N, C-alpha and C. Protein backbone atom coordinates (compact mmCIF):
# COMPACT_ATOMS: atom_id res chain seq x y z
N MET A 1 219.03 146.73 171.18
CA MET A 1 220.57 147.43 171.70
C MET A 1 221.08 145.91 171.89
N THR A 2 222.51 146.05 171.47
CA THR A 2 223.36 144.98 171.66
C THR A 2 224.50 145.72 173.00
N VAL A 3 224.81 145.23 173.93
CA VAL A 3 225.24 145.35 175.08
C VAL A 3 227.00 144.41 174.93
N ASP A 4 228.40 144.74 175.47
CA ASP A 4 229.46 144.31 174.79
C ASP A 4 229.99 143.94 176.46
N HIS A 5 229.27 144.03 177.68
CA HIS A 5 229.55 144.18 178.57
C HIS A 5 228.05 144.32 179.59
N PRO A 6 228.27 143.72 180.77
CA PRO A 6 226.87 144.03 182.08
C PRO A 6 226.57 145.45 182.19
N VAL A 7 225.39 145.91 182.20
CA VAL A 7 224.97 147.15 182.58
C VAL A 7 223.67 146.99 182.59
N THR A 8 223.40 148.26 183.18
CA THR A 8 222.09 148.52 184.07
C THR A 8 221.13 149.28 183.24
N LEU A 9 220.10 149.04 182.26
CA LEU A 9 219.31 149.82 181.44
C LEU A 9 218.23 150.31 182.31
N ASP A 10 217.84 151.71 181.85
CA ASP A 10 217.07 152.79 182.80
C ASP A 10 216.27 153.15 181.74
N ALA A 11 215.00 152.76 181.36
CA ALA A 11 214.10 153.58 180.08
C ALA A 11 213.01 154.03 181.20
N THR A 12 212.66 155.06 180.16
CA THR A 12 211.18 155.65 181.13
C THR A 12 210.53 156.73 179.61
N THR A 13 209.17 156.20 179.97
CA THR A 13 208.08 156.92 179.31
C THR A 13 207.56 158.59 180.11
N ASP A 14 208.15 158.49 181.64
CA ASP A 14 207.80 159.86 182.39
C ASP A 14 208.11 160.94 182.36
N VAL A 15 207.59 161.46 180.91
CA VAL A 15 207.78 162.79 180.44
C VAL A 15 206.83 163.54 180.24
N LEU A 16 206.75 165.01 180.51
CA LEU A 16 205.33 165.67 180.30
C LEU A 16 204.57 165.01 178.87
N ALA A 17 205.58 164.92 177.63
CA ALA A 17 205.30 165.31 176.56
C ALA A 17 205.01 163.63 176.37
N THR A 18 204.99 162.50 176.98
CA THR A 18 203.94 161.44 176.67
C THR A 18 202.66 161.74 177.55
N THR A 19 201.63 161.16 176.13
CA THR A 19 200.13 161.31 176.52
C THR A 19 199.49 160.01 176.40
N LEU A 20 200.25 158.45 175.94
CA LEU A 20 199.82 157.73 175.77
C LEU A 20 200.01 156.67 176.82
N ASP A 21 199.18 156.03 177.25
CA ASP A 21 199.19 154.75 178.86
C ASP A 21 200.25 154.13 178.13
N THR A 22 201.36 153.72 178.33
CA THR A 22 202.46 153.37 178.02
C THR A 22 202.80 151.82 178.47
N VAL A 23 203.37 150.70 178.36
CA VAL A 23 204.21 149.72 178.79
C VAL A 23 205.42 149.35 178.65
N LEU A 24 206.32 149.06 179.20
CA LEU A 24 207.77 148.97 178.22
C LEU A 24 208.16 147.66 178.71
N TYR A 25 208.64 146.33 177.48
CA TYR A 25 209.21 145.85 177.97
C TYR A 25 210.63 145.43 177.12
N VAL A 26 211.58 144.41 177.58
CA VAL A 26 212.47 144.16 177.46
C VAL A 26 212.64 142.59 176.96
N ARG A 27 213.30 142.15 175.70
CA ARG A 27 213.06 140.85 175.20
C ARG A 27 214.35 140.22 175.02
N SER A 28 214.04 139.41 174.34
CA SER A 28 215.94 139.09 174.02
C SER A 28 215.48 138.74 172.57
N ALA A 29 214.21 138.51 172.23
CA ALA A 29 214.08 138.29 171.11
C ALA A 29 212.79 139.18 170.79
N CYS A 30 212.63 139.67 169.31
CA CYS A 30 211.98 140.72 169.48
C CYS A 30 210.30 140.59 169.32
N GLN A 31 209.95 139.86 168.54
CA GLN A 31 208.29 139.19 168.46
C GLN A 31 207.99 138.03 169.28
N ASP A 32 208.94 137.32 170.26
CA ASP A 32 208.49 136.14 171.12
C ASP A 32 208.22 137.00 172.46
N PRO A 33 206.85 136.97 172.97
CA PRO A 33 206.60 137.19 174.16
C PRO A 33 207.60 136.81 175.62
N THR A 34 207.79 134.91 175.31
CA THR A 34 208.42 134.06 176.28
C THR A 34 209.63 134.51 176.32
N SER A 35 210.01 135.74 175.52
CA SER A 35 211.71 135.81 176.18
C SER A 35 211.70 137.24 176.74
N GLU A 36 210.55 137.40 177.39
CA GLU A 36 210.68 138.82 177.72
C GLU A 36 211.09 138.77 179.39
N LEU A 37 212.38 140.08 179.62
CA LEU A 37 213.53 139.54 180.57
C LEU A 37 212.80 140.85 181.70
N ALA A 38 211.98 142.00 181.71
CA ALA A 38 211.18 142.68 182.07
C ALA A 38 210.05 143.30 181.73
N CYS A 39 209.33 144.09 182.51
CA CYS A 39 208.09 144.35 181.86
C CYS A 39 207.51 145.26 182.97
N ALA A 40 207.07 146.65 182.48
CA ALA A 40 206.74 147.98 183.57
C ALA A 40 205.43 148.62 182.80
N ASP A 41 204.67 148.96 183.77
CA ASP A 41 203.34 149.31 183.66
C ASP A 41 203.50 150.27 184.40
N ASP A 42 202.37 151.14 184.94
CA ASP A 42 202.08 152.49 185.28
C ASP A 42 203.42 153.08 186.44
N VAL A 43 203.73 154.07 185.93
CA VAL A 43 204.47 154.23 187.07
C VAL A 43 203.86 154.49 188.69
N GLY A 44 202.48 154.70 188.94
CA GLY A 44 202.18 155.07 189.92
C GLY A 44 200.53 155.45 189.96
N ALA A 45 200.09 155.24 190.59
CA ALA A 45 198.53 155.66 190.48
C ALA A 45 198.36 156.91 190.27
N GLY A 46 197.67 156.76 189.22
CA GLY A 46 197.01 158.21 188.20
C GLY A 46 198.08 158.60 187.27
N ASN A 47 199.82 158.03 187.23
CA ASN A 47 200.46 158.24 185.97
C ASN A 47 200.64 156.70 185.59
N PRO A 48 200.01 156.83 184.26
CA PRO A 48 199.76 155.89 183.37
C PRO A 48 201.51 155.67 182.90
N ARG A 49 202.54 156.49 182.80
CA ARG A 49 203.39 156.29 182.04
C ARG A 49 204.35 155.32 182.74
N SER A 50 205.45 154.79 182.08
CA SER A 50 205.94 153.63 182.50
C SER A 50 207.80 153.87 182.83
N HIS A 51 208.22 153.10 183.89
CA HIS A 51 209.95 153.24 183.96
C HIS A 51 210.14 151.67 184.37
N LEU A 52 210.95 151.78 183.69
CA LEU A 52 211.68 150.03 184.09
C LEU A 52 213.29 150.38 184.32
N THR A 53 214.03 149.23 185.01
CA THR A 53 215.33 149.36 185.31
C THR A 53 215.46 148.00 185.25
N VAL A 54 216.68 147.08 184.84
CA VAL A 54 216.91 145.95 184.38
C VAL A 54 218.44 145.89 184.04
N ALA A 55 218.87 144.49 184.78
CA ALA A 55 220.33 144.65 184.68
C ALA A 55 220.41 143.68 183.31
N LEU A 56 221.69 143.95 182.85
CA LEU A 56 221.69 143.31 181.06
C LEU A 56 222.68 142.30 181.22
N GLN A 57 223.18 140.91 180.49
CA GLN A 57 224.57 140.93 180.47
C GLN A 57 224.85 141.19 179.42
N PRO A 58 225.81 140.67 178.33
CA PRO A 58 226.34 141.18 177.17
C PRO A 58 225.33 139.90 176.61
N GLY A 59 225.01 140.91 174.96
CA GLY A 59 223.85 140.19 174.02
C GLY A 59 222.79 141.04 173.28
N THR A 60 222.28 140.95 172.93
CA THR A 60 221.01 141.78 171.85
C THR A 60 220.00 141.47 172.45
N TYR A 61 219.55 142.72 172.91
CA TYR A 61 218.04 143.02 173.73
C TYR A 61 217.39 143.90 172.71
N TYR A 62 215.76 144.19 172.83
CA TYR A 62 214.87 144.72 172.24
C TYR A 62 213.74 145.73 173.50
N LEU A 63 213.69 146.76 173.66
CA LEU A 63 213.07 147.70 174.32
C LEU A 63 211.54 148.04 173.47
N ILE A 64 210.87 147.65 173.55
CA ILE A 64 209.54 147.74 173.51
C ILE A 64 208.79 148.61 174.26
N VAL A 65 208.64 149.91 173.44
CA VAL A 65 207.22 150.63 173.55
C VAL A 65 205.87 150.33 173.66
N ASP A 66 205.04 150.02 174.12
CA ASP A 66 203.33 149.89 173.65
C ASP A 66 202.42 150.26 174.35
N GLY A 67 201.55 150.93 173.45
CA GLY A 67 199.97 151.09 174.19
C GLY A 67 199.39 150.07 175.34
N ARG A 68 199.29 150.63 176.10
CA ARG A 68 198.60 149.75 177.38
C ARG A 68 197.51 148.90 176.71
N ASN A 69 196.57 149.69 175.70
CA ASN A 69 195.27 148.93 175.37
C ASN A 69 195.08 149.08 173.79
N VAL A 70 194.57 148.08 172.99
CA VAL A 70 194.00 147.85 171.93
C VAL A 70 193.65 149.45 171.43
N GLY A 71 194.07 150.27 170.71
CA GLY A 71 193.46 151.48 169.96
C GLY A 71 193.95 152.54 170.43
N SER A 72 194.88 152.40 171.51
CA SER A 72 195.54 153.58 172.21
C SER A 72 196.02 154.35 171.21
N ALA A 73 196.19 155.92 171.67
CA ALA A 73 196.73 156.88 171.01
C ALA A 73 196.81 157.74 171.61
N GLY A 74 198.32 158.63 171.06
CA GLY A 74 198.71 159.66 171.72
C GLY A 74 200.27 159.15 171.77
N ALA A 75 201.23 160.58 172.38
CA ALA A 75 202.31 160.75 171.81
C ALA A 75 203.06 159.88 173.16
N SER A 76 204.15 159.23 172.67
CA SER A 76 205.18 158.69 173.65
C SER A 76 206.68 159.01 173.38
N THR A 77 207.62 159.61 174.25
CA THR A 77 208.77 159.83 174.27
C THR A 77 209.67 159.44 175.37
């Protein structure tokens, strides 16, 4: 996503349709883990979904929804 003014990004997979154990990342370069600006794993004990809030300045960013474990399967919304 590209933002042209400061914004707060609020992203979540914490909805009933999500059955995958998710992790959310925001990066400034899609395939460069060193450009990670924020990361969120489990919402809480017993809830493997994710919720992330991060302040962003003007620029281009990538929101990545990932499975927590290699070979994970399930739906994410």
